[in-house]
Amino acid sequence: MSYQPDSPDPRTLNAPVPYDGQGKSVANETVQSSDLGGAHAESQRESYVDSMGNRVDSQAEVFEDTNQRRANTRYRIERITYSVLGVLEVILLLRLFFRLLGASRDNGFIIFLYGLSHVFVAPFNGIFNDQALGSRSVFEVSTLIAMLVYALLAWGIVVLGRMVFAPTLSGRQSITTMRRRRLL
């Protein structure tokens, strides 16, 4: 098959026939795009007559905001970090209260709680001496220090996420509109 410059494109032989509403076949397409400092919008309109003779008007709009995507990432980082911190703080607070009240170390729940929380308190053991308040009660300063350090660490992660995923402020703004009208 040889290429002839005026021959129709074989891919568009069954394509809809454009129509201008006054009996003429016309390709009428409007494409508009804008870029406003991190947000990108694009709108496209088209009118044509399909193979059944029906006039079809179509419009497609796409809006993408990179700053909103960054805000969603910041929100997820914040929620996940504070959720993990909340669970950890509750575990450490229970440990502090049960140690302070002198809970029996033979109880299954207490064994589980002390074993689970020991992983998080161990790096802070020995900084200060724990104060014995009776035969079984202990005020664990190391647990309080662990709670404080983990809260500061979580706050630091959230602040870092806010800095890394801060909105991008651009001084560049552009709007482009293109209209194409072709008589057939």
N, C-alpha and C. Protein backbone atom coordinates (compact mmCIF):
# COMPACT_ATOMS: atom_id res chain seq x y z
N MET A 1 0.85 -1.18 0.00
CA MET A 1 0.00 0.00 0.00
C MET A 1 0.89 1.23 0.00
N SER A 2 0.69 2.10 -0.96
CA SER A 2 1.50 3.31 -1.05
C SER A 2 0.81 4.44 -0.30
N TYR A 3 1.58 5.33 0.22
CA TYR A 3 1.05 6.46 0.96
C TYR A 3 0.75 7.59 -0.01
N GLN A 4 -0.46 8.11 0.04
CA GLN A 4 -0.85 9.26 -0.75
C GLN A 4 -1.22 10.37 0.21
N PRO A 5 -0.67 11.58 -0.02
CA PRO A 5 -0.87 12.64 0.97
C PRO A 5 -2.32 13.03 1.20
N ASP A 6 -3.20 12.90 0.24
CA ASP A 6 -4.59 13.31 0.42
C ASP A 6 -5.52 12.16 0.75
N SER A 7 -4.99 10.95 0.89
CA SER A 7 -5.86 9.82 1.20
C SER A 7 -6.23 9.85 2.67
N PRO A 8 -7.45 9.37 3.01
CA PRO A 8 -7.87 9.38 4.41
C PRO A 8 -7.04 8.40 5.24
N ASP A 9 -6.90 8.75 6.48
CA ASP A 9 -6.18 7.89 7.41
C ASP A 9 -7.01 6.63 7.64
N PRO A 10 -6.47 5.43 7.39
CA PRO A 10 -7.26 4.20 7.55
C PRO A 10 -7.72 3.97 8.98
N ARG A 11 -7.10 4.59 9.97
CA ARG A 11 -7.51 4.41 11.36
C ARG A 11 -8.78 5.18 11.67
N THR A 12 -9.11 6.18 10.85
CA THR A 12 -10.28 7.02 11.13
C THR A 12 -11.41 6.80 10.13
N LEU A 13 -11.38 5.73 9.38
CA LEU A 13 -12.44 5.50 8.40
C LEU A 13 -13.80 5.33 9.05
N ASN A 14 -13.86 4.70 10.21
CA ASN A 14 -15.13 4.49 10.90
C ASN A 14 -15.32 5.47 12.06
N ALA A 15 -14.55 6.55 12.05
CA ALA A 15 -14.63 7.53 13.14
C ALA A 15 -15.90 8.36 12.99
N PRO A 16 -16.39 8.94 14.10
CA PRO A 16 -17.58 9.78 14.04
C PRO A 16 -17.37 11.00 13.13
N VAL A 17 -18.43 11.44 12.51
CA VAL A 17 -18.37 12.58 11.62
C VAL A 17 -18.65 13.85 12.43
N PRO A 18 -17.74 14.83 12.42
CA PRO A 18 -17.98 16.06 13.16
C PRO A 18 -19.14 16.85 12.57
N TYR A 19 -19.83 17.64 13.42
CA TYR A 19 -21.03 18.36 13.01
C TYR A 19 -21.09 19.68 13.73
N ASP A 20 -21.48 20.77 13.03
CA ASP A 20 -21.51 22.08 13.67
C ASP A 20 -22.90 22.52 14.10
N GLY A 21 -23.93 21.70 13.92
CA GLY A 21 -25.27 22.05 14.35
C GLY A 21 -26.07 22.76 13.27
N GLN A 22 -25.47 23.08 12.13
CA GLN A 22 -26.17 23.78 11.05
C GLN A 22 -26.14 22.97 9.76
N GLY A 23 -25.98 21.68 9.87
CA GLY A 23 -26.00 20.83 8.69
C GLY A 23 -24.65 20.63 8.06
N LYS A 24 -23.60 21.23 8.57
CA LYS A 24 -22.27 21.07 8.02
C LYS A 24 -21.46 20.13 8.90
N SER A 25 -20.62 19.33 8.29
CA SER A 25 -19.72 18.47 9.05
C SER A 25 -18.50 19.28 9.44
N VAL A 26 -18.29 19.43 10.72
CA VAL A 26 -17.21 20.27 11.23
C VAL A 26 -16.55 19.58 12.41
N ALA A 27 -15.22 19.64 12.45
CA ALA A 27 -14.51 19.18 13.64
C ALA A 27 -14.35 20.39 14.55
N ASN A 28 -14.91 20.32 15.71
CA ASN A 28 -14.88 21.45 16.63
C ASN A 28 -14.34 20.93 17.96
N GLU A 29 -13.13 21.29 18.26
CA GLU A 29 -12.53 20.78 19.48
C GLU A 29 -11.89 21.95 20.22
N THR A 30 -12.14 22.04 21.51
CA THR A 30 -11.52 23.07 22.34
C THR A 30 -10.73 22.37 23.43
N VAL A 31 -9.47 22.72 23.54
CA VAL A 31 -8.62 22.18 24.59
C VAL A 31 -8.12 23.36 25.40
N GLN A 32 -8.31 23.30 26.70
CA GLN A 32 -7.85 24.36 27.56
C GLN A 32 -7.07 23.73 28.71
N SER A 33 -5.89 24.27 28.97
CA SER A 33 -5.11 23.76 30.09
C SER A 33 -4.55 24.94 30.87
N SER A 34 -4.35 24.72 32.15
CA SER A 34 -3.77 25.76 32.99
C SER A 34 -2.87 25.11 34.02
N ASP A 35 -1.85 25.84 34.39
CA ASP A 35 -0.90 25.38 35.38
C ASP A 35 -0.71 26.51 36.38
N LEU A 36 -1.20 26.31 37.60
CA LEU A 36 -1.16 27.36 38.62
C LEU A 36 -0.39 26.88 39.83
N GLY A 37 0.91 27.00 39.80
CA GLY A 37 1.75 26.71 40.97
C GLY A 37 1.51 25.38 41.62
N GLY A 38 1.65 24.30 40.92
CA GLY A 38 1.48 22.97 41.50
C GLY A 38 0.16 22.32 41.16
N ALA A 39 -0.79 23.08 40.65
CA ALA A 39 -2.08 22.51 40.25
C ALA A 39 -2.15 22.56 38.73
N HIS A 40 -2.64 21.50 38.14
CA HIS A 40 -2.74 21.43 36.70
C HIS A 40 -4.17 21.03 36.34
N ALA A 41 -4.78 21.81 35.45
CA ALA A 41 -6.15 21.51 35.02
C ALA A 41 -6.17 21.45 33.50
N GLU A 42 -6.96 20.55 32.99
CA GLU A 42 -7.10 20.42 31.54
C GLU A 42 -8.55 20.10 31.23
N SER A 43 -9.09 20.82 30.24
CA SER A 43 -10.47 20.64 29.85
C SER A 43 -10.52 20.43 28.34
N GLN A 44 -11.33 19.51 27.88
CA GLN A 44 -11.44 19.23 26.46
C GLN A 44 -12.91 19.03 26.11
N ARG A 45 -13.37 19.75 25.07
CA ARG A 45 -14.75 19.65 24.59
C ARG A 45 -14.73 19.25 23.13
N GLU A 46 -15.73 18.46 22.73
CA GLU A 46 -15.78 18.01 21.35
C GLU A 46 -17.25 17.77 20.97
N SER A 47 -17.61 18.15 19.75
CA SER A 47 -18.95 17.89 19.22
C SER A 47 -18.81 17.15 17.90
N TYR A 48 -19.65 16.15 17.70
CA TYR A 48 -19.62 15.40 16.44
C TYR A 48 -20.94 14.66 16.26
N VAL A 49 -21.11 14.12 15.06
CA VAL A 49 -22.27 13.30 14.74
C VAL A 49 -21.78 11.87 14.61
N ASP A 50 -22.40 10.96 15.38
CA ASP A 50 -21.96 9.57 15.32
C ASP A 50 -22.52 8.88 14.08
N SER A 51 -22.18 7.61 13.91
CA SER A 51 -22.58 6.86 12.71
C SER A 51 -24.09 6.67 12.60
N MET A 52 -24.84 6.85 13.70
CA MET A 52 -26.30 6.72 13.68
C MET A 52 -26.98 8.06 13.41
N GLY A 53 -26.21 9.13 13.23
CA GLY A 53 -26.77 10.44 12.95
C GLY A 53 -27.09 11.26 14.19
N ASN A 54 -26.68 10.80 15.35
CA ASN A 54 -26.92 11.52 16.60
C ASN A 54 -25.80 12.53 16.86
N ARG A 55 -26.18 13.73 17.29
CA ARG A 55 -25.18 14.72 17.65
C ARG A 55 -24.68 14.40 19.06
N VAL A 56 -23.37 14.36 19.20
CA VAL A 56 -22.75 14.02 20.47
C VAL A 56 -21.86 15.17 20.91
N ASP A 57 -22.08 15.65 22.12
CA ASP A 57 -21.22 16.66 22.73
C ASP A 57 -20.52 15.98 23.91
N SER A 58 -19.21 16.02 23.91
CA SER A 58 -18.49 15.41 25.02
C SER A 58 -17.56 16.44 25.64
N GLN A 59 -17.39 16.30 26.94
CA GLN A 59 -16.52 17.19 27.68
C GLN A 59 -15.76 16.37 28.71
N ALA A 60 -14.47 16.55 28.75
CA ALA A 60 -13.64 15.86 29.73
C ALA A 60 -12.81 16.89 30.45
N GLU A 61 -12.77 16.78 31.78
CA GLU A 61 -11.98 17.70 32.60
C GLU A 61 -11.12 16.90 33.56
N VAL A 62 -9.87 17.27 33.64
CA VAL A 62 -8.93 16.62 34.55
C VAL A 62 -8.29 17.70 35.40
N PHE A 63 -8.28 17.49 36.70
CA PHE A 63 -7.66 18.44 37.62
C PHE A 63 -6.72 17.66 38.52
N GLU A 64 -5.47 18.05 38.53
CA GLU A 64 -4.49 17.38 39.37
C GLU A 64 -3.77 18.44 40.19
N ASP A 65 -3.80 18.26 41.50
CA ASP A 65 -3.16 19.21 42.40
C ASP A 65 -2.05 18.49 43.16
N THR A 66 -0.82 18.79 42.81
CA THR A 66 0.30 18.13 43.47
C THR A 66 0.39 18.53 44.94
N ASN A 67 -0.03 19.74 45.27
CA ASN A 67 0.00 20.16 46.67
C ASN A 67 -1.01 19.37 47.50
N GLN A 68 -2.16 19.03 46.90
CA GLN A 68 -3.14 18.22 47.62
C GLN A 68 -2.60 16.81 47.85
N ARG A 69 -1.90 16.28 46.86
CA ARG A 69 -1.29 14.96 47.01
C ARG A 69 -0.24 14.99 48.13
N ARG A 70 0.55 16.05 48.19
CA ARG A 70 1.55 16.19 49.24
C ARG A 70 0.87 16.33 50.61
N ALA A 71 -0.24 17.07 50.66
CA ALA A 71 -0.99 17.23 51.91
C ALA A 71 -1.55 15.88 52.37
N ASN A 72 -2.01 15.06 51.44
CA ASN A 72 -2.52 13.73 51.79
C ASN A 72 -1.40 12.86 52.36
N THR A 73 -0.21 12.96 51.78
CA THR A 73 0.93 12.19 52.29
C THR A 73 1.30 12.66 53.69
N ARG A 74 1.32 13.98 53.91
CA ARG A 74 1.60 14.51 55.25
C ARG A 74 0.57 13.99 56.25
N TYR A 75 -0.69 14.00 55.85
CA TYR A 75 -1.77 13.55 56.74
C TYR A 75 -1.58 12.07 57.11
N ARG A 76 -1.24 11.23 56.12
CA ARG A 76 -1.05 9.81 56.39
C ARG A 76 0.13 9.59 57.34
N ILE A 77 1.23 10.30 57.10
CA ILE A 77 2.40 10.17 57.98
C ILE A 77 2.02 10.55 59.41
N GLU A 78 1.30 11.65 59.54
CA GLU A 78 0.90 12.13 60.86
C GLU A 78 -0.02 11.13 61.56
N ARG A 79 -1.03 10.65 60.87
CA ARG A 79 -1.98 9.70 61.46
C ARG A 79 -1.31 8.41 61.87
N ILE A 80 -0.47 7.85 60.99
CA ILE A 80 0.20 6.58 61.31
C ILE A 80 1.15 6.76 62.48
N THR A 81 1.93 7.83 62.46
CA THR A 81 2.90 8.08 63.54
C THR A 81 2.20 8.25 64.88
N TYR A 82 1.16 9.06 64.91
CA TYR A 82 0.46 9.29 66.18
C TYR A 82 -0.33 8.06 66.62
N SER A 83 -0.79 7.25 65.71
CA SER A 83 -1.49 6.01 66.09
C SER A 83 -0.52 5.03 66.75
N VAL A 84 0.65 4.86 66.14
CA VAL A 84 1.66 3.97 66.73
C VAL A 84 2.10 4.52 68.09
N LEU A 85 2.30 5.83 68.18
CA LEU A 85 2.68 6.44 69.46
C LEU A 85 1.60 6.21 70.50
N GLY A 86 0.34 6.36 70.13
CA GLY A 86 -0.76 6.16 71.08
C GLY A 86 -0.78 4.75 71.65
N VAL A 87 -0.59 3.75 70.80
CA VAL A 87 -0.58 2.37 71.27
C VAL A 87 0.62 2.15 72.20
N LEU A 88 1.78 2.66 71.80
CA LEU A 88 2.98 2.50 72.62
C LEU A 88 2.85 3.20 73.97
N GLU A 89 2.30 4.40 73.96
CA GLU A 89 2.13 5.14 75.22
C GLU A 89 1.16 4.43 76.16
N VAL A 90 0.10 3.83 75.63
CA VAL A 90 -0.85 3.10 76.48
C VAL A 90 -0.17 1.89 77.11
N ILE A 91 0.63 1.17 76.32
CA ILE A 91 1.35 0.01 76.86
C ILE A 91 2.30 0.44 77.97
N LEU A 92 3.04 1.52 77.73
CA LEU A 92 3.99 1.99 78.75
C LEU A 92 3.29 2.54 79.98
N LEU A 93 2.15 3.20 79.78
CA LEU A 93 1.38 3.73 80.91
C LEU A 93 0.83 2.58 81.77
N LEU A 94 0.34 1.52 81.12
CA LEU A 94 -0.13 0.35 81.88
C LEU A 94 1.02 -0.26 82.68
N ARG A 95 2.19 -0.35 82.05
CA ARG A 95 3.35 -0.89 82.77
C ARG A 95 3.65 -0.03 84.01
N LEU A 96 3.65 1.30 83.82
CA LEU A 96 3.94 2.21 84.92
C LEU A 96 2.94 2.03 86.07
N PHE A 97 1.66 1.97 85.75
CA PHE A 97 0.63 1.82 86.80
C PHE A 97 0.71 0.47 87.50
N PHE A 98 0.89 -0.61 86.73
CA PHE A 98 0.94 -1.93 87.36
C PHE A 98 2.19 -2.09 88.22
N ARG A 99 3.31 -1.51 87.78
CA ARG A 99 4.52 -1.56 88.61
C ARG A 99 4.34 -0.70 89.87
N LEU A 100 3.69 0.45 89.70
CA LEU A 100 3.45 1.36 90.82
C LEU A 100 2.50 0.75 91.85
N LEU A 101 1.51 0.00 91.37
CA LEU A 101 0.53 -0.62 92.27
C LEU A 101 0.98 -1.99 92.78
N GLY A 102 2.12 -2.48 92.31
CA GLY A 102 2.67 -3.75 92.80
C GLY A 102 1.89 -4.95 92.31
N ALA A 103 1.53 -5.00 91.05
CA ALA A 103 0.76 -6.12 90.49
C ALA A 103 1.58 -7.41 90.59
N SER A 104 0.86 -8.53 90.76
CA SER A 104 1.50 -9.83 90.90
C SER A 104 2.20 -10.23 89.60
N ARG A 105 3.46 -10.63 89.72
CA ARG A 105 4.23 -11.05 88.54
C ARG A 105 3.88 -12.48 88.12
N ASP A 106 2.97 -13.13 88.79
CA ASP A 106 2.55 -14.48 88.43
C ASP A 106 1.34 -14.47 87.51
N ASN A 107 0.72 -13.32 87.32
CA ASN A 107 -0.45 -13.19 86.46
C ASN A 107 -0.02 -13.22 84.99
N GLY A 108 -0.77 -13.94 84.15
CA GLY A 108 -0.44 -14.09 82.73
C GLY A 108 -0.44 -12.76 81.97
N PHE A 109 -1.43 -11.92 82.25
CA PHE A 109 -1.51 -10.62 81.56
C PHE A 109 -0.33 -9.74 81.94
N ILE A 110 0.02 -9.74 83.21
CA ILE A 110 1.14 -8.92 83.69
C ILE A 110 2.45 -9.41 83.08
N ILE A 111 2.63 -10.73 82.99
CA ILE A 111 3.83 -11.30 82.37
C ILE A 111 3.91 -10.85 80.90
N PHE A 112 2.78 -10.94 80.20
CA PHE A 112 2.74 -10.51 78.79
C PHE A 112 3.04 -9.01 78.66
N LEU A 113 2.41 -8.20 79.50
CA LEU A 113 2.59 -6.74 79.43
C LEU A 113 4.03 -6.34 79.73
N TYR A 114 4.63 -6.93 80.76
CA TYR A 114 6.02 -6.59 81.11
C TYR A 114 6.98 -7.07 80.02
N GLY A 115 6.71 -8.23 79.46
CA GLY A 115 7.57 -8.74 78.38
C GLY A 115 7.49 -7.87 77.13
N LEU A 116 6.28 -7.43 76.80
CA LEU A 116 6.07 -6.58 75.62
C LEU A 116 6.68 -5.20 75.83
N SER A 117 6.48 -4.63 76.98
CA SER A 117 6.95 -3.27 77.23
C SER A 117 8.44 -3.21 77.55
N HIS A 118 9.01 -4.32 77.98
CA HIS A 118 10.43 -4.32 78.33
C HIS A 118 11.31 -3.95 77.12
N VAL A 119 10.90 -4.34 75.94
CA VAL A 119 11.64 -4.03 74.71
C VAL A 119 11.77 -2.52 74.55
N PHE A 120 10.73 -1.78 74.91
CA PHE A 120 10.73 -0.33 74.72
C PHE A 120 11.34 0.43 75.89
N VAL A 121 11.36 -0.20 77.07
CA VAL A 121 11.91 0.46 78.27
C VAL A 121 13.39 0.13 78.46
N ALA A 122 13.85 -0.99 77.95
CA ALA A 122 15.22 -1.46 78.19
C ALA A 122 16.30 -0.43 77.85
N PRO A 123 16.20 0.32 76.73
CA PRO A 123 17.27 1.29 76.45
C PRO A 123 17.40 2.38 77.51
N PHE A 124 16.38 2.58 78.32
CA PHE A 124 16.38 3.67 79.31
C PHE A 124 16.61 3.19 80.73
N ASN A 125 16.74 1.88 80.92
CA ASN A 125 17.02 1.33 82.25
C ASN A 125 18.42 1.76 82.69
N GLY A 126 18.55 2.12 83.93
CA GLY A 126 19.85 2.47 84.48
C GLY A 126 20.18 3.95 84.39
N ILE A 127 19.37 4.74 83.70
CA ILE A 127 19.63 6.18 83.65
C ILE A 127 19.42 6.75 85.06
N PHE A 128 18.31 6.39 85.69
CA PHE A 128 18.02 6.76 87.07
C PHE A 128 17.65 5.48 87.81
N ASN A 129 17.84 5.49 89.10
CA ASN A 129 17.44 4.34 89.91
C ASN A 129 15.93 4.37 90.10
N ASP A 130 15.31 3.20 89.90
CA ASP A 130 13.87 3.09 90.15
C ASP A 130 13.64 3.12 91.66
N GLN A 131 12.60 3.79 92.07
CA GLN A 131 12.32 4.00 93.49
C GLN A 131 11.33 2.94 93.99
N ALA A 132 11.75 2.16 94.97
CA ALA A 132 10.87 1.18 95.61
C ALA A 132 10.00 1.91 96.62
N LEU A 133 8.66 1.68 96.52
CA LEU A 133 7.72 2.36 97.40
C LEU A 133 7.12 1.43 98.44
N GLY A 134 7.53 0.23 98.46
CA GLY A 134 7.01 -0.76 99.41
C GLY A 134 7.67 -2.07 99.09
N SER A 135 7.02 -3.15 99.54
CA SER A 135 7.63 -4.46 99.29
C SER A 135 7.53 -4.85 97.81
N ARG A 136 6.45 -4.40 97.11
CA ARG A 136 6.30 -4.80 95.70
C ARG A 136 6.11 -3.61 94.76
N SER A 137 5.83 -2.45 95.26
CA SER A 137 5.57 -1.28 94.42
C SER A 137 6.88 -0.63 93.99
N VAL A 138 6.94 -0.25 92.71
CA VAL A 138 8.14 0.39 92.16
C VAL A 138 7.70 1.55 91.28
N PHE A 139 8.33 2.70 91.50
CA PHE A 139 8.10 3.84 90.62
C PHE A 139 9.23 3.84 89.59
N GLU A 140 8.89 3.47 88.33
CA GLU A 140 9.89 3.33 87.27
C GLU A 140 10.08 4.66 86.54
N VAL A 141 11.16 5.32 86.85
CA VAL A 141 11.50 6.56 86.17
C VAL A 141 11.87 6.26 84.72
N SER A 142 12.46 5.10 84.49
CA SER A 142 12.85 4.73 83.12
C SER A 142 11.65 4.62 82.19
N THR A 143 10.50 4.21 82.70
CA THR A 143 9.28 4.14 81.88
C THR A 143 8.81 5.54 81.52
N LEU A 144 8.86 6.46 82.48
CA LEU A 144 8.48 7.85 82.18
C LEU A 144 9.42 8.47 81.15
N ILE A 145 10.71 8.21 81.27
CA ILE A 145 11.67 8.73 80.30
C ILE A 145 11.40 8.13 78.91
N ALA A 146 11.11 6.84 78.87
CA ALA A 146 10.80 6.19 77.59
C ALA A 146 9.56 6.83 76.95
N MET A 147 8.53 7.08 77.76
CA MET A 147 7.32 7.71 77.22
C MET A 147 7.62 9.09 76.64
N LEU A 148 8.43 9.86 77.33
CA LEU A 148 8.80 11.20 76.87
C LEU A 148 9.63 11.14 75.58
N VAL A 149 10.63 10.26 75.56
CA VAL A 149 11.50 10.15 74.38
C VAL A 149 10.72 9.69 73.16
N TYR A 150 9.83 8.71 73.33
CA TYR A 150 9.05 8.24 72.17
C TYR A 150 8.07 9.31 71.69
N ALA A 151 7.53 10.10 72.59
CA ALA A 151 6.64 11.20 72.17
C ALA A 151 7.43 12.25 71.39
N LEU A 152 8.63 12.57 71.84
CA LEU A 152 9.48 13.53 71.11
C LEU A 152 9.90 12.97 69.76
N LEU A 153 10.20 11.69 69.71
CA LEU A 153 10.58 11.05 68.45
C LEU A 153 9.41 11.09 67.45
N ALA A 154 8.21 10.80 67.90
CA ALA A 154 7.03 10.85 67.03
C ALA A 154 6.79 12.28 66.54
N TRP A 155 6.91 13.24 67.43
CA TRP A 155 6.75 14.64 67.04
C TRP A 155 7.78 15.01 65.98
N GLY A 156 9.03 14.56 66.14
CA GLY A 156 10.08 14.83 65.16
C GLY A 156 9.78 14.22 63.80
N ILE A 157 9.23 13.02 63.78
CA ILE A 157 8.87 12.38 62.52
C ILE A 157 7.77 13.17 61.82
N VAL A 158 6.79 13.63 62.57
CA VAL A 158 5.70 14.41 61.98
C VAL A 158 6.22 15.74 61.44
N VAL A 159 7.08 16.41 62.18
CA VAL A 159 7.64 17.68 61.70
C VAL A 159 8.49 17.46 60.45
N LEU A 160 9.26 16.39 60.43
CA LEU A 160 10.06 16.08 59.25
C LEU A 160 9.16 15.80 58.04
N GLY A 161 8.07 15.07 58.25
CA GLY A 161 7.11 14.83 57.17
C GLY A 161 6.48 16.10 56.66
N ARG A 162 6.21 17.04 57.57
CA ARG A 162 5.65 18.33 57.15
C ARG A 162 6.65 19.12 56.34
N MET A 163 7.93 19.03 56.68
CA MET A 163 8.95 19.77 55.93
C MET A 163 9.20 19.14 54.57
N VAL A 164 9.30 17.82 54.52
CA VAL A 164 9.59 17.14 53.26
C VAL A 164 8.42 17.26 52.29
N PHE A 165 7.21 17.16 52.79
CA PHE A 165 6.03 17.20 51.93
C PHE A 165 5.28 18.53 52.05
N ALA A 166 6.03 19.60 52.24
CA ALA A 166 5.43 20.94 52.29
C ALA A 166 4.90 21.32 50.91
N PRO A 167 3.92 22.22 50.86
CA PRO A 167 3.40 22.65 49.55
C PRO A 167 4.49 23.31 48.72
N THR A 168 4.45 23.04 47.44
CA THR A 168 5.40 23.69 46.54
C THR A 168 4.77 24.98 46.05
N LEU A 169 5.44 26.07 46.31
CA LEU A 169 4.94 27.37 45.92
C LEU A 169 5.71 27.82 44.70
N SER A 170 5.01 27.98 43.62
CA SER A 170 5.64 28.38 42.37
C SER A 170 5.10 29.73 41.93
N GLY A 171 5.96 30.55 41.40
CA GLY A 171 5.51 31.83 40.87
C GLY A 171 5.04 31.70 39.44
N ARG A 172 5.12 30.51 38.88
CA ARG A 172 4.75 30.28 37.48
C ARG A 172 3.27 29.95 37.37
N GLN A 173 2.59 30.68 36.51
CA GLN A 173 1.19 30.40 36.21
C GLN A 173 1.01 30.53 34.71
N SER A 174 0.33 29.59 34.12
CA SER A 174 0.08 29.67 32.68
C SER A 174 -1.29 29.09 32.36
N ILE A 175 -1.91 29.67 31.35
CA ILE A 175 -3.19 29.18 30.85
C ILE A 175 -3.06 29.11 29.34
N THR A 176 -3.41 27.98 28.77
CA THR A 176 -3.33 27.77 27.33
C THR A 176 -4.69 27.35 26.83
N THR A 177 -5.17 28.02 25.80
CA THR A 177 -6.44 27.66 25.17
C THR A 177 -6.19 27.46 23.69
N MET A 178 -6.70 26.37 23.15
CA MET A 178 -6.57 26.08 21.74
C MET A 178 -7.94 25.70 21.21
N ARG A 179 -8.37 26.35 20.15
CA ARG A 179 -9.62 26.00 19.49
C ARG A 179 -9.28 25.58 18.07
N ARG A 180 -9.87 24.49 17.66
CA ARG A 180 -9.64 23.99 16.32
C ARG A 180 -11.00 23.80 15.65
N ARG A 181 -11.14 24.36 14.50
CA ARG A 181 -12.41 24.23 13.77
C ARG A 181 -12.03 23.93 12.33
N ARG A 182 -12.51 22.81 11.84
CA ARG A 182 -12.14 22.38 10.50
C ARG A 182 -13.41 22.06 9.74
N LEU A 183 -13.59 22.65 8.61
CA LEU A 183 -14.72 22.34 7.74
C LEU A 183 -14.38 21.17 6.86
N LEU A 184 -15.29 20.23 6.74
CA LEU A 184 -15.04 19.06 5.89
C LEU A 184 -15.72 19.19 4.55
